[in-house]
């Protein structure tokens, strides 16, 4: 389990009223497909804010991750091999795909077995690792990041600049700098926190095309359900 800390920065930023969504449009960088597994420069650890996923996509799909019995906040979206420019996907590998049981065992941090399988298929094969080792590395990467306590226990909707989320993660994780983290938005909501890591999971500067900071002055962060 990750250690949860209460950041020292002003909680007032997190308690401001009126949630007014602001749509942020961002262009996607080009990427390649079908590369040889194991050829990449660093990882991006993507942490998704579950309430945003459920509000925009998950609930309409009937995703179990959004069921009221769960109280997911930041979950593991994926651990993505990256080039310094661009990223590989759907790589060729001789490693066997994970079993259903192996994918299901990831649901406690991904929210669903289906997401774990999708991430293996699109990104995990590019790592060059066996599925078991890729899942284990993903779990280690997820556990290596401290989630600020205020987000782990968020019990009300708030609006805030995305930079405040970034600053909270930097304060909670010594060694992390602004060049190593980016916060994205979707439909006016805080969507993901993406942290760049070396192959041995140390904080690492992000490539230029991976820096997609949300600049919305007010982004909605819905409470944990």
Protein backbone atom coordinates (compact mmCIF):
# COMPACT_ATOMS: atom_id res chain seq x y z
CA UNK A 1 0.00 0.00 0.00
CA UNK A 2 1.15 3.55 -0.67
CA UNK A 3 1.90 5.90 2.18
CA UNK A 4 -0.64 8.75 2.25
CA UNK A 5 0.45 12.19 3.39
CA UNK A 6 -1.40 15.41 4.00
CA UNK A 7 0.31 18.15 1.92
CA UNK A 8 1.25 21.43 3.58
CA UNK A 9 0.03 23.62 0.73
CA UNK A 10 -3.17 25.58 1.19
CA UNK A 11 -6.22 23.35 1.39
CA UNK A 12 -8.21 26.46 0.52
CA UNK A 13 -7.40 25.79 -3.12
CA UNK A 14 -9.22 22.47 -2.81
CA UNK A 15 -12.34 23.79 -1.11
CA UNK A 16 -13.39 26.52 -3.52
CA UNK A 17 -17.02 26.48 -4.51
CA UNK A 18 -18.88 26.25 -7.83
CA UNK A 19 -17.75 23.51 -10.16
CA UNK A 20 -17.68 25.05 -13.63
CA UNK A 21 -16.31 22.56 -16.19
CA UNK A 22 -13.92 23.89 -18.81
CA UNK A 23 -13.21 21.76 -21.87
CA UNK A 24 -9.55 21.44 -22.72
CA UNK A 25 -8.64 20.36 -26.22
CA UNK A 26 -5.26 18.75 -26.71
CA UNK A 27 -3.65 17.35 -29.82
CA UNK A 28 -2.18 13.87 -29.80
CA UNK A 29 1.44 13.20 -30.66
CA UNK A 30 2.30 10.71 -33.35
CA UNK A 31 3.24 7.24 -32.24
CA UNK A 32 4.36 4.01 -33.82
CA UNK A 33 2.93 0.51 -33.74
CA UNK A 34 4.31 -3.00 -34.03
CA UNK A 35 7.86 -2.27 -32.81
CA UNK A 36 10.14 -4.86 -31.35
CA UNK A 37 9.43 -5.44 -27.65
CA UNK A 38 11.93 -4.04 -25.15
CA UNK A 39 13.02 -1.09 -27.30
CA UNK A 40 12.10 2.08 -25.39
CA UNK A 41 13.64 4.83 -23.26
CA UNK A 42 11.51 5.28 -20.13
CA UNK A 43 8.05 4.67 -18.66
CA UNK A 44 5.01 6.81 -18.00
CA UNK A 45 2.99 5.79 -14.97
CA UNK A 46 -0.57 6.92 -15.64
CA UNK A 47 -2.90 7.37 -12.65
CA UNK A 48 -6.54 7.91 -13.58
CA UNK A 49 -9.06 9.74 -11.40
CA UNK A 50 -11.85 7.16 -11.26
CA UNK A 51 -14.77 9.58 -10.64
CA UNK A 52 -13.89 11.39 -13.88
CA UNK A 53 -13.67 8.12 -15.82
CA UNK A 54 -17.02 6.99 -14.45
CA UNK A 55 -18.74 10.31 -15.20
CA UNK A 56 -17.51 10.53 -18.79
CA UNK A 57 -17.32 6.89 -19.93
CA UNK A 58 -17.50 4.18 -17.29
CA UNK A 59 -21.05 4.55 -16.01
CA UNK A 60 -22.51 4.50 -19.52
CA UNK A 61 -20.65 1.23 -20.10
CA UNK A 62 -21.84 -0.26 -16.83
CA UNK A 63 -18.22 -0.63 -15.74
CA UNK A 64 -17.95 -2.46 -12.42
CA UNK A 65 -15.28 0.02 -11.40
CA UNK A 66 -18.07 2.60 -11.06
CA UNK A 67 -20.33 0.47 -8.82
CA UNK A 68 -21.24 2.25 -5.55
CA UNK A 69 -19.61 -0.52 -3.50
CA UNK A 70 -16.20 0.72 -4.67
CA UNK A 71 -14.42 3.83 -3.44
CA UNK A 72 -11.69 4.20 -6.04
CA UNK A 73 -9.77 7.46 -6.33
CA UNK A 74 -6.52 7.41 -8.32
CA UNK A 75 -6.19 3.98 -9.92
CA UNK A 76 -3.53 2.57 -12.20
CA UNK A 77 -4.40 3.33 -15.81
CA UNK A 78 -1.15 1.92 -17.10
CA UNK A 79 2.63 1.73 -17.20
CA UNK A 80 3.59 2.85 -20.70
CA UNK A 81 6.97 2.35 -22.39
CA UNK A 82 8.00 5.60 -24.09
CA UNK A 83 10.56 6.82 -26.56
CA UNK A 84 12.19 10.18 -25.98
CA UNK A 85 9.98 11.15 -28.91
CA UNK A 86 6.75 9.20 -29.36
CA UNK A 87 5.90 5.79 -27.97
CA UNK A 88 5.63 2.18 -29.10
CA UNK A 89 2.39 0.21 -28.95
CA UNK A 90 1.05 -3.23 -29.89
CA UNK A 91 4.61 -4.53 -30.06
CA UNK A 92 5.76 -7.88 -31.37
CA UNK A 93 6.77 -10.16 -28.51
CA UNK A 94 7.37 -13.83 -27.92
CA UNK A 95 6.05 -13.59 -24.38
CA UNK A 96 2.76 -15.33 -23.62
CA UNK A 97 -0.31 -13.27 -22.78
CA UNK A 98 -1.42 -13.21 -19.13
CA UNK A 99 -4.01 -15.64 -17.87
CA UNK A 100 -7.46 -14.43 -16.85
CA UNK A 101 -6.48 -15.00 -13.23
CA UNK A 102 -3.36 -12.84 -13.59
CA UNK A 103 -5.36 -9.97 -15.08
CA UNK A 104 -8.12 -10.34 -12.49
CA UNK A 105 -5.51 -10.10 -9.71
CA UNK A 106 -4.68 -6.56 -10.91
CA UNK A 107 -8.23 -5.26 -10.45
CA UNK A 108 -7.54 -3.97 -6.93
CA UNK A 109 -5.35 -1.22 -8.41
CA UNK A 110 -6.66 -0.94 -12.00
CA UNK A 111 -10.36 -1.12 -11.13
CA UNK A 112 -11.01 -3.94 -13.57
CA UNK A 113 -9.40 -7.02 -15.09
CA UNK A 114 -10.37 -5.74 -18.54
CA UNK A 115 -8.24 -2.64 -18.18
CA UNK A 116 -5.26 -4.71 -17.00
CA UNK A 117 -5.58 -6.92 -20.10
CA UNK A 118 -5.96 -3.92 -22.44
CA UNK A 119 -2.85 -2.29 -20.97
CA UNK A 120 -0.84 -5.48 -21.40
CA UNK A 121 -1.96 -5.84 -25.01
CA UNK A 122 -1.24 -2.25 -26.02
CA UNK A 123 1.71 -1.33 -23.77
CA UNK A 124 2.89 -4.28 -21.70
CA UNK A 125 4.04 -6.30 -24.68
CA UNK A 126 6.35 -3.38 -25.55
CA UNK A 127 8.19 -3.73 -22.24
CA UNK A 128 9.84 -6.97 -23.35
CA UNK A 129 8.87 -8.54 -20.01
CA UNK A 130 6.78 -11.64 -19.38
CA UNK A 131 3.20 -10.71 -18.49
CA UNK A 132 3.68 -11.73 -14.86
CA UNK A 133 6.75 -9.50 -14.52
CA UNK A 134 5.08 -6.58 -16.30
CA UNK A 135 2.11 -6.76 -13.94
CA UNK A 136 4.47 -6.97 -10.97
CA UNK A 137 6.46 -3.97 -12.22
CA UNK A 138 3.22 -2.02 -12.74
CA UNK A 139 2.22 -2.77 -9.16
CA UNK A 140 5.63 -1.64 -7.88
CA UNK A 141 5.44 1.57 -9.90
CA UNK A 142 1.95 2.31 -8.56
CA UNK A 143 3.09 1.65 -4.99
CA UNK A 144 6.15 3.88 -5.42
CA UNK A 145 4.04 7.04 -5.72
CA UNK A 146 2.50 8.68 -2.66
CA UNK A 147 -1.04 9.91 -3.26
CA UNK A 148 -1.64 13.16 -1.33
CA UNK A 149 -4.03 12.33 1.50
CA UNK A 150 -6.51 15.04 0.54
CA UNK A 151 -7.17 13.22 -2.74
CA UNK A 152 -7.31 9.77 -1.15
CA UNK A 153 -10.17 10.92 1.08
CA UNK A 154 -11.91 13.50 -1.13
CA UNK A 155 -15.55 13.61 0.01
CA UNK A 156 -16.85 16.63 -1.91
CA UNK A 157 -16.69 17.97 -5.44
CA UNK A 158 -14.10 20.70 -5.93
CA UNK A 159 -12.77 22.86 -8.73
CA UNK A 160 -9.14 23.83 -8.91
CA UNK A 161 -6.35 24.58 -11.38
CA UNK A 162 -4.66 21.38 -12.56
CA UNK A 163 -1.33 22.84 -11.43
CA UNK A 164 -2.53 22.53 -7.81
CA UNK A 165 -2.87 18.76 -8.29
CA UNK A 166 0.63 18.68 -9.78
CA UNK A 167 2.06 20.70 -6.89
CA UNK A 168 0.46 18.36 -4.36
CA UNK A 169 2.06 15.30 -5.95
CA UNK A 170 5.45 17.01 -6.12
CA UNK A 171 5.25 17.92 -2.44
CA UNK A 172 4.22 14.41 -1.45
CA UNK A 173 6.96 12.73 -3.52
CA UNK A 174 10.53 13.97 -2.86
CA UNK A 175 12.62 13.82 -6.02
CA UNK A 176 9.69 14.59 -8.30
CA UNK A 177 9.98 17.85 -10.26
CA UNK A 178 7.61 19.67 -12.64
CA UNK A 179 9.54 18.23 -15.59
CA UNK A 180 8.63 14.71 -14.46
CA UNK A 181 4.86 15.01 -14.09
CA UNK A 182 1.91 16.19 -16.14
CA UNK A 183 -1.80 16.46 -15.27
CA UNK A 184 -4.39 16.03 -18.01
CA UNK A 185 -8.05 17.07 -18.25
CA UNK A 186 -11.01 15.65 -20.14
CA UNK A 187 -14.35 17.41 -20.57
CA UNK A 188 -13.40 19.98 -17.96
CA UNK A 189 -12.47 17.36 -15.36
CA UNK A 190 -9.15 16.30 -13.85
CA UNK A 191 -8.47 13.12 -15.78
CA UNK A 192 -5.00 11.69 -15.17
CA UNK A 193 -1.73 12.30 -13.38
CA UNK A 194 1.16 11.02 -15.50
CA UNK A 195 4.56 10.53 -13.89
CA UNK A 196 7.67 9.71 -15.88
CA UNK A 197 9.92 6.97 -14.51
CA UNK A 198 13.17 5.36 -15.57
CA UNK A 199 13.29 1.66 -16.35
CA UNK A 200 14.19 1.05 -12.70
CA UNK A 201 11.23 3.25 -11.62
CA UNK A 202 13.18 6.31 -10.48
CA UNK A 203 11.67 9.74 -11.31
CA UNK A 204 12.71 10.70 -14.84
CA UNK A 205 12.25 13.80 -17.02
CA UNK A 206 9.38 13.43 -19.49
CA UNK A 207 9.94 13.67 -23.21
CA UNK A 208 8.76 16.88 -24.81
CA UNK A 209 5.78 15.23 -26.47
CA UNK A 210 4.65 13.69 -23.17
CA UNK A 211 4.17 17.07 -21.47
CA UNK A 212 0.45 17.75 -21.88
CA UNK A 213 -0.30 19.93 -18.90
CA UNK A 214 -3.93 20.91 -18.48
CA UNK A 215 -4.05 24.71 -18.26
CA UNK A 216 -7.71 25.02 -17.30
CA UNK A 217 -8.04 27.57 -14.46
CA UNK A 218 -10.95 25.60 -13.02
CA UNK A 219 -11.13 21.84 -13.50
CA UNK A 220 -13.69 19.67 -11.79
CA UNK A 221 -12.53 16.96 -9.44
CA UNK A 222 -15.56 14.96 -8.35
CA UNK A 223 -15.64 13.31 -4.97
CA UNK A 224 -14.80 9.67 -4.43
CA UNK A 225 -18.04 7.73 -4.69
